[in-house]
Protein backbone atom coordinates (compact mmCIF):
# COMPACT_ATOMS: atom_id res chain seq x y z
CA UNK A 1 7.93 -48.73 47.86
CA UNK A 2 8.35 -45.40 45.90
CA UNK A 3 9.05 -45.80 42.18
CA UNK A 4 12.74 -45.53 41.47
CA UNK A 5 13.55 -44.81 37.92
CA UNK A 6 15.90 -47.28 36.36
CA UNK A 7 17.10 -44.70 33.70
CA UNK A 8 20.56 -43.30 33.77
CA UNK A 9 21.27 -39.92 35.59
CA UNK A 10 22.47 -37.27 33.19
CA UNK A 11 25.69 -35.80 34.24
CA UNK A 12 26.72 -32.18 33.37
CA UNK A 13 29.93 -30.10 34.02
CA UNK A 14 28.95 -26.53 35.92
CA UNK A 15 29.90 -24.76 32.58
CA UNK A 16 27.51 -26.73 30.39
CA UNK A 17 24.64 -26.61 33.12
CA UNK A 18 25.19 -22.84 33.29
CA UNK A 19 24.97 -22.70 29.37
CA UNK A 20 21.72 -24.62 29.52
CA UNK A 21 20.44 -22.37 32.25
CA UNK A 22 21.06 -18.79 30.25
CA UNK A 23 19.42 -20.90 27.23
CA UNK A 24 16.48 -21.69 29.25
CA UNK A 25 15.80 -18.01 30.05
CA UNK A 26 16.32 -16.79 26.18
CA UNK A 27 13.80 -14.96 24.61
CA UNK A 28 15.57 -14.55 21.17
CA UNK A 29 16.54 -18.72 20.67
CA UNK A 30 14.25 -20.95 18.92
CA UNK A 31 11.37 -22.20 21.09
CA UNK A 32 12.32 -25.74 20.54
CA UNK A 33 15.85 -25.16 22.02
CA UNK A 34 14.59 -23.50 25.14
CA UNK A 35 12.17 -26.12 25.73
CA UNK A 36 14.63 -28.85 25.34
CA UNK A 37 17.06 -26.91 27.72
CA UNK A 38 14.62 -26.85 30.41
CA UNK A 39 13.41 -30.49 30.15
CA UNK A 40 17.41 -31.47 30.52
CA UNK A 41 17.82 -29.30 33.59
CA UNK A 42 14.63 -30.36 35.09
CA UNK A 43 15.89 -34.23 34.53
CA UNK A 44 19.49 -33.55 35.87
CA UNK A 45 17.79 -31.84 38.96
CA UNK A 46 15.95 -35.50 39.68
CA UNK A 47 12.51 -34.91 38.29
CA UNK A 48 10.75 -37.60 36.76
CA UNK A 49 9.39 -37.68 33.22
CA UNK A 50 6.14 -37.30 33.92
CA UNK A 51 6.53 -34.33 36.43
CA UNK A 52 8.68 -32.65 33.62
CA UNK A 53 5.89 -33.25 31.08
CA UNK A 54 3.39 -31.75 33.33
CA UNK A 55 5.30 -28.82 34.31
CA UNK A 56 6.06 -27.96 30.78
CA UNK A 57 2.57 -28.77 29.71
CA UNK A 58 3.61 -31.38 27.02
CA UNK A 59 3.62 -35.18 26.85
CA UNK A 60 5.88 -38.03 28.09
CA UNK A 61 7.34 -39.27 24.74
CA UNK A 62 8.58 -35.95 23.88
CA UNK A 63 10.49 -35.53 27.16
CA UNK A 64 11.78 -39.05 26.95
CA UNK A 65 13.16 -38.52 23.32
CA UNK A 66 15.05 -35.53 24.33
CA UNK A 67 16.63 -37.24 27.48
CA UNK A 68 17.57 -40.63 25.66
CA UNK A 69 19.07 -38.52 22.97
CA UNK A 70 20.98 -36.46 25.33
CA UNK A 71 22.22 -39.68 27.03
CA UNK A 72 23.13 -41.18 23.81
CA UNK A 73 24.57 -38.19 21.87
CA UNK A 74 25.25 -35.66 24.34
CA UNK A 75 23.48 -32.59 25.82
CA UNK A 76 24.34 -30.01 23.09
CA UNK A 77 23.35 -32.69 20.12
CA UNK A 78 20.08 -33.23 21.79
CA UNK A 79 19.16 -29.55 21.44
CA UNK A 80 18.55 -29.80 17.88
CA UNK A 81 17.31 -32.26 15.62
CA UNK A 82 19.70 -34.73 14.10
CA UNK A 83 20.07 -34.48 10.40
CA UNK A 84 18.03 -36.51 8.21
CA UNK A 85 14.94 -36.60 10.45
CA UNK A 86 11.69 -36.17 8.99
CA UNK A 87 9.78 -37.62 6.01
CA UNK A 88 11.38 -37.76 2.66
CA UNK A 89 10.35 -35.36 -0.10
CA UNK A 90 8.06 -37.23 -2.37
CA UNK A 91 6.72 -34.39 -4.71
CA UNK A 92 9.26 -33.97 -7.63
CA UNK A 93 10.77 -30.46 -8.77
CA UNK A 94 9.01 -30.96 -12.14
CA UNK A 95 5.76 -31.66 -10.42
CA UNK A 96 6.24 -28.39 -8.34
CA UNK A 97 7.06 -26.47 -11.34
CA UNK A 98 3.80 -27.92 -13.36
CA UNK A 99 1.77 -26.71 -10.22
CA UNK A 100 3.41 -23.33 -10.38
CA UNK A 101 2.59 -23.23 -14.06
CA UNK A 102 -1.01 -23.98 -13.14
CA UNK A 103 -0.94 -21.12 -10.58
CA UNK A 104 0.02 -18.41 -13.41
CA UNK A 105 -2.94 -19.07 -15.36
CA UNK A 106 -6.32 -17.91 -14.78
CA UNK A 107 -9.15 -20.45 -13.75
CA UNK A 108 -11.29 -18.98 -16.37
CA UNK A 109 -8.95 -20.49 -18.95
CA UNK A 110 -9.05 -23.85 -17.62
CA UNK A 111 -12.92 -23.81 -17.64
CA UNK A 112 -13.89 -22.83 -14.41
CA UNK A 113 -15.87 -19.66 -13.29
CA UNK A 114 -13.56 -18.18 -10.91
CA UNK A 115 -11.28 -15.27 -12.11
CA UNK A 116 -8.61 -15.87 -9.34
CA UNK A 117 -7.36 -19.15 -8.02
CA UNK A 118 -8.01 -20.38 -4.15
CA UNK A 119 -5.74 -23.24 -2.56
CA UNK A 120 -8.97 -25.44 -2.40
CA UNK A 121 -9.78 -25.02 -6.21
CA UNK A 122 -6.13 -25.28 -7.14
CA UNK A 123 -5.21 -28.24 -5.05
CA UNK A 124 -8.32 -30.23 -6.40
CA UNK A 125 -7.59 -29.23 -9.77
CA UNK A 126 -4.18 -30.59 -9.18
CA UNK A 127 -5.15 -33.82 -7.78
CA UNK A 128 -7.78 -34.38 -10.76
CA UNK A 129 -5.16 -33.81 -13.63
CA UNK A 130 -1.78 -34.37 -12.22
CA UNK A 131 -1.78 -38.13 -13.22
CA UNK A 132 -2.68 -37.18 -16.79
CA UNK A 133 -0.09 -34.73 -16.73
CA UNK A 134 2.64 -37.14 -15.58
CA UNK A 135 2.88 -36.08 -12.12
CA UNK A 136 1.36 -38.84 -9.95
CA UNK A 137 3.29 -37.44 -6.98
CA UNK A 138 0.70 -34.83 -6.48
CA UNK A 139 -2.29 -37.23 -6.22
CA UNK A 140 -2.78 -36.65 -2.36
CA UNK A 141 -1.73 -33.02 -2.22
CA UNK A 142 -3.68 -30.90 -0.01
CA UNK A 143 -4.21 -27.04 0.44
CA UNK A 144 -1.28 -26.62 2.83
CA UNK A 145 1.28 -28.10 0.65
CA UNK A 146 -0.33 -26.42 -2.43
CA UNK A 147 0.07 -23.04 -0.20
CA UNK A 148 3.85 -23.72 0.93
CA UNK A 149 4.72 -24.71 -2.82
CA UNK A 150 3.07 -21.36 -3.88
CA UNK A 151 4.70 -19.22 -1.01
CA UNK A 152 8.35 -20.51 -1.88
CA UNK A 153 8.01 -20.19 -5.59
CA UNK A 154 6.62 -16.48 -4.82
CA UNK A 155 3.51 -16.71 -6.71
CA UNK A 156 0.33 -15.57 -5.09
CA UNK A 157 -2.46 -16.08 -7.65
CA UNK A 158 -5.16 -14.99 -5.25
CA UNK A 159 -3.86 -11.35 -5.30
CA UNK A 160 -4.38 -8.55 -7.69
CA UNK A 161 -1.57 -5.88 -8.23
CA UNK A 162 -2.63 -2.85 -10.11
CA UNK A 163 -0.49 -1.00 -12.76
CA UNK A 164 -0.77 1.67 -15.17
CA UNK A 165 -0.10 0.97 -18.57
CA UNK A 166 1.19 3.62 -20.91
CA UNK A 167 -1.11 4.16 -23.58
CA UNK A 168 -0.09 7.43 -25.04
CA UNK A 169 2.90 6.76 -27.66
CA UNK A 170 3.76 10.35 -27.11
CA UNK A 171 4.34 9.79 -23.47
CA UNK A 172 7.92 10.71 -23.21
CA UNK A 173 7.55 13.96 -25.30
CA UNK A 174 4.59 14.93 -23.47
CA UNK A 175 6.24 14.30 -19.90
CA UNK A 176 9.46 16.35 -21.33
CA UNK A 177 7.17 19.42 -22.10
CA UNK A 178 5.97 19.05 -18.43
CA UNK A 179 9.30 18.90 -16.96
CA UNK A 180 10.62 21.69 -18.94
CA UNK A 181 7.71 23.78 -17.53
CA UNK A 182 8.79 22.81 -14.01
CA UNK A 183 12.46 23.56 -14.91
CA UNK A 184 11.20 27.10 -16.07
CA UNK A 185 9.61 27.72 -12.98
CA UNK A 186 12.62 26.36 -10.62
CA UNK A 187 14.80 28.95 -12.78
CA UNK A 188 12.63 31.82 -12.13
CA UNK A 189 12.03 31.16 -8.53
CA UNK A 190 16.08 31.27 -8.35
CA UNK A 191 16.08 34.52 -10.10
CA UNK A 192 13.71 36.29 -8.11
CA UNK A 193 10.37 38.10 -8.96
CA UNK A 194 11.67 41.36 -10.02
CA UNK A 195 13.81 39.81 -13.11
CA UNK A 196 10.89 37.28 -14.25
CA UNK A 197 9.34 37.73 -17.57
CA UNK A 198 5.51 38.33 -17.71
CA UNK A 199 4.58 34.56 -17.56
CA UNK A 200 2.29 32.75 -15.18
CA UNK A 201 2.40 28.88 -14.44
CA UNK A 202 -0.68 27.11 -13.19
CA UNK A 203 -1.07 23.29 -12.35
CA UNK A 204 -4.93 22.60 -12.84
CA UNK A 205 -7.13 19.71 -12.39
CA UNK A 206 -10.68 18.94 -11.13
CA UNK A 207 -11.50 16.81 -8.22
CA UNK A 208 -14.98 15.74 -8.73
CA UNK A 209 -17.34 13.66 -6.53
CA UNK A 210 -16.75 15.28 -3.17
CA UNK A 211 -19.56 13.86 -1.11
CA UNK A 212 -22.17 16.08 0.82
CA UNK A 213 -22.39 13.49 3.74
CA UNK A 214 -24.57 14.52 7.03
CA UNK A 215 -24.45 12.29 10.25
CA UNK A 216 -27.88 11.36 11.54
CA UNK A 217 -26.76 11.51 15.23
CA UNK A 218 -24.32 14.26 16.82
CA UNK A 219 -20.48 13.09 17.35
CA UNK A 220 -19.39 12.23 20.60
CA UNK A 221 -16.01 14.05 21.56
CA UNK A 222 -13.24 12.12 23.10
CA UNK A 223 -13.31 11.73 26.85
CA UNK A 224 -9.75 11.44 28.41
CA UNK A 225 -9.23 7.94 30.05
CA UNK A 226 -12.33 6.48 28.69
CA UNK A 227 -12.60 7.27 24.87
CA UNK A 228 -9.60 8.42 23.15
CA UNK A 229 -11.13 8.97 19.80
CA UNK A 230 -14.26 10.86 18.34
CA UNK A 231 -17.26 8.63 18.26
CA UNK A 232 -19.85 8.70 15.14
CA UNK A 233 -23.00 6.85 14.11
CA UNK A 234 -22.36 4.50 11.25
CA UNK A 235 -25.37 5.78 9.63
CA UNK A 236 -25.46 8.98 7.51
CA UNK A 237 -27.52 11.09 4.66
CA UNK A 238 -26.22 11.63 1.32
CA UNK A 239 -26.87 15.19 0.17
CA UNK A 240 -25.22 14.89 -3.47
CA UNK A 241 -21.74 15.50 -4.75
CA UNK A 242 -19.65 18.66 -5.79
CA UNK A 243 -16.72 19.26 -8.23
CA UNK A 244 -13.54 21.42 -7.25
CA UNK A 245 -12.01 22.93 -10.29
CA UNK A 246 -8.55 24.51 -8.85
CA UNK A 247 -5.27 25.68 -10.28
CA UNK A 248 -2.11 26.48 -8.19
CA UNK A 249 0.14 29.04 -9.23
CA UNK A 250 3.60 27.35 -9.32
CA UNK A 251 5.66 30.44 -8.50
CA UNK A 252 3.72 31.65 -5.57
CA UNK A 253 1.45 28.88 -4.52
CA UNK A 254 -1.34 30.79 -4.59
CA UNK A 255 -4.66 28.67 -5.12
CA UNK A 256 -7.72 29.67 -7.75
CA UNK A 257 -10.68 27.69 -7.45
CA UNK A 258 -14.41 27.15 -8.24
CA UNK A 259 -16.83 25.13 -6.49
CA UNK A 260 -19.60 23.83 -8.84
CA UNK A 261 -22.25 21.01 -9.11
CA UNK A 262 -20.40 19.46 -12.29
CA UNK A 263 -17.24 20.14 -14.18
CA UNK A 264 -18.30 20.79 -17.82
CA UNK A 265 -16.85 23.20 -20.33
CA UNK A 266 -19.28 25.68 -18.95
CA UNK A 267 -17.47 25.43 -15.52
CA UNK A 268 -14.15 25.26 -17.23
CA UNK A 269 -14.74 28.32 -18.88
CA UNK A 270 -15.76 30.16 -15.60
CA UNK A 271 -12.81 29.06 -14.08
CA UNK A 272 -10.62 30.34 -16.75
CA UNK A 273 -12.32 33.57 -16.65
CA UNK A 274 -11.42 33.73 -13.07
CA UNK A 275 -7.84 33.42 -13.97
CA UNK A 276 -8.02 35.85 -16.54
CA UNK A 277 -9.21 38.75 -14.04
CA UNK A 278 -6.51 37.68 -11.71
CA UNK A 279 -3.65 38.33 -13.57
CA UNK A 280 -2.47 41.70 -15.45
CA UNK A 281 -3.82 41.55 -19.18
CA UNK A 282 -0.11 41.80 -20.59
CA UNK A 283 0.86 38.49 -18.76
CA UNK A 284 0.74 35.07 -20.55
CA UNK A 285 -0.64 32.19 -18.66
CA UNK A 286 0.78 28.73 -18.93
CA UNK A 287 -1.33 25.83 -17.62
CA UNK A 288 -0.57 22.32 -17.11
CA UNK A 289 -3.60 20.07 -17.27
CA UNK A 290 -5.22 16.88 -18.36
CA UNK A 291 -6.94 15.62 -21.82
CA UNK A 292 -10.44 15.90 -20.20
CA UNK A 293 -13.01 16.57 -22.81
CA UNK A 294 -14.04 20.14 -21.49
CA UNK A 295 -10.67 21.25 -21.92
CA UNK A 296 -10.66 21.14 -25.66
CA UNK A 297 -14.17 21.08 -26.20
CA UNK A 298 -16.08 23.46 -28.71
CA UNK A 299 -17.26 25.80 -26.04
CA UNK A 300 -13.66 26.14 -24.61
CA UNK A 301 -12.07 26.67 -27.92
CA UNK A 302 -14.72 29.41 -28.62
CA UNK A 303 -13.81 31.18 -25.52
CA UNK A 304 -9.70 31.03 -26.04
CA UNK A 305 -10.28 32.82 -29.68
CA UNK A 306 -11.40 35.59 -27.75
CA UNK A 307 -8.24 35.81 -25.61
CA UNK A 308 -5.58 35.39 -28.29
CA UNK A 309 -2.15 34.90 -26.93
CA UNK A 310 -3.42 34.97 -23.29
CA UNK A 311 -3.45 31.24 -22.39
CA UNK A 312 -1.16 28.50 -23.33
CA UNK A 313 -2.12 24.76 -22.56
CA UNK A 314 0.45 22.12 -21.51
CA UNK A 315 -1.19 18.84 -21.77
CA UNK A 316 -0.39 15.58 -19.80
CA UNK A 317 0.07 12.45 -21.22
CA UNK A 318 -2.62 9.82 -21.13
CA UNK A 319 -2.53 8.14 -17.78
CA UNK A 320 0.03 10.69 -16.81
CA UNK A 321 -2.10 12.94 -14.02
CA UNK A 322 0.87 12.12 -11.50
CA UNK A 323 3.06 14.61 -13.51
CA UNK A 324 0.67 17.43 -12.53
CA UNK A 325 1.50 19.05 -9.07
CA UNK A 326 -2.09 19.99 -8.52
CA UNK A 327 -2.39 16.29 -7.61
CA UNK A 328 -0.05 16.87 -4.46
CA UNK A 329 -2.62 19.64 -3.28
CA UNK A 330 -5.52 17.48 -3.89
CA UNK A 331 -3.91 14.65 -1.82
CA UNK A 332 -3.14 16.99 0.95
CA UNK A 333 -6.97 18.29 1.03
CA UNK A 334 -8.20 14.78 1.18
CA UNK A 335 -6.02 13.65 4.25
CA UNK A 336 -7.20 16.76 5.85
CA UNK A 337 -10.40 18.91 5.05
CA UNK A 338 -12.16 16.09 3.32
CA UNK A 339 -11.18 13.20 6.14
CA UNK A 340 -14.31 12.69 7.77
CA UNK A 341 -15.94 15.85 6.87
CA UNK A 342 -19.80 16.15 7.74
CA UNK A 343 -22.15 18.70 6.54
CA UNK A 344 -25.75 19.47 6.51
CA UNK A 345 -25.93 20.70 2.87
CA UNK A 346 -24.12 20.86 -0.50
CA UNK A 347 -24.06 24.72 0.36
CA UNK A 348 -22.29 24.22 3.86
CA UNK A 349 -19.77 22.02 1.93
CA UNK A 350 -19.35 24.80 -0.64
CA UNK A 351 -18.85 27.21 2.18
CA UNK A 352 -16.31 25.05 4.09
CA UNK A 353 -14.27 24.11 0.82
CA UNK A 354 -13.71 27.96 0.32
CA UNK A 355 -13.00 28.50 3.38
CA UNK A 356 -10.08 25.95 3.62
CA UNK A 357 -8.95 27.52 0.57
CA UNK A 358 -8.74 30.92 1.97
CA UNK A 359 -6.98 29.48 5.05
CA UNK A 360 -4.40 27.71 2.63
CA UNK A 361 -3.71 31.08 0.84
CA UNK A 362 -3.03 32.53 4.08
CA UNK A 363 0.07 30.84 4.14
CA UNK A 364 0.58 29.49 0.55
CA UNK A 365 2.66 26.44 -0.06
CA UNK A 366 4.91 26.20 -2.88
CA UNK A 367 4.98 22.74 -4.26
CA UNK A 368 8.46 22.06 -5.89
CA UNK A 369 8.87 19.12 -8.37
CA UNK A 370 12.14 17.07 -8.15
CA UNK A 371 11.79 13.97 -10.43
CA UNK A 372 13.65 14.07 -13.61
CA UNK A 373 14.50 17.56 -13.60
CA UNK A 374 18.39 16.56 -13.71
CA UNK A 375 17.66 15.41 -16.94
CA UNK A 376 16.22 18.48 -18.43
CA UNK A 377 18.34 21.47 -19.67
CA UNK A 378 16.98 24.86 -21.24
CA UNK A 379 20.18 25.74 -23.13
């Protein structure tokens, strides 16, 4: 004789059955509710517990618990867990706070060689020292529980987030001087070239370490439908590095540059001479630049003494190079010309950098500073 189940039938109204059908097809509801809706619909249709478990690729006890709950508490109550289910919490709030306080210290401060915590090291330290600290609830804590406590406490001791400390006591004063320059530039751009005083404004900096890298094999171009991107051999040959000394005219976007092997006082003076030739003799040249040693060296001072009232330097504060507008151009250059560049020699790299600068100067971009200008007044 065929097997006949002695379990009671599940009775559903048409409305409830329709609601379960929609829930079983949902892509936004929790997976647990969707699965239970499928179980109840299959049981209501007359399928056995084993057949339901096989169809849904689960186990019989799980299906039985769902069906029994529906028969006892109702269909809707069986779709979610009843309140109070689960293992009661054994780790006390004080123990969690102690664990978080450990995570906020460095392992080396507690006698370990490591600089940063791992969940394995932290959980082992907690198990070894929790009893002495008065938190025996952590005696069997594992890596997973430690990870959950850290996540809930929003502590990630295995991560490093960098910041830039302001070590210049005159940071605010120097920043105000640079913003004052940008405010002057903004006003001069509004009044027009004919009414401007004989002053030029330049933002200057160096970009050292530009690598001259040569590929050992030719690049393979993209092939539609097969290879969507450029293919390149991973091996390469280094030919050394170059430094770019560049200044951008803040009024018209014109770039002045010098490519050299190094960026010493000698190269900086050569750049200043180039700038001196580019502007009329009666014009004063104001340059925003950082405190690099070549800018204030004995050689540089000697050259400036031969050009009285010609140059005026406005120095950025220490760790304040982000205030220099030329950094925006360097960022653009790194994302365009220098991204993935390959050359056969330093000479070729020099030529391509100068070519790029010529292309930029054909359609110069005027970089405009926005941050903090509303707080600067020239009156």
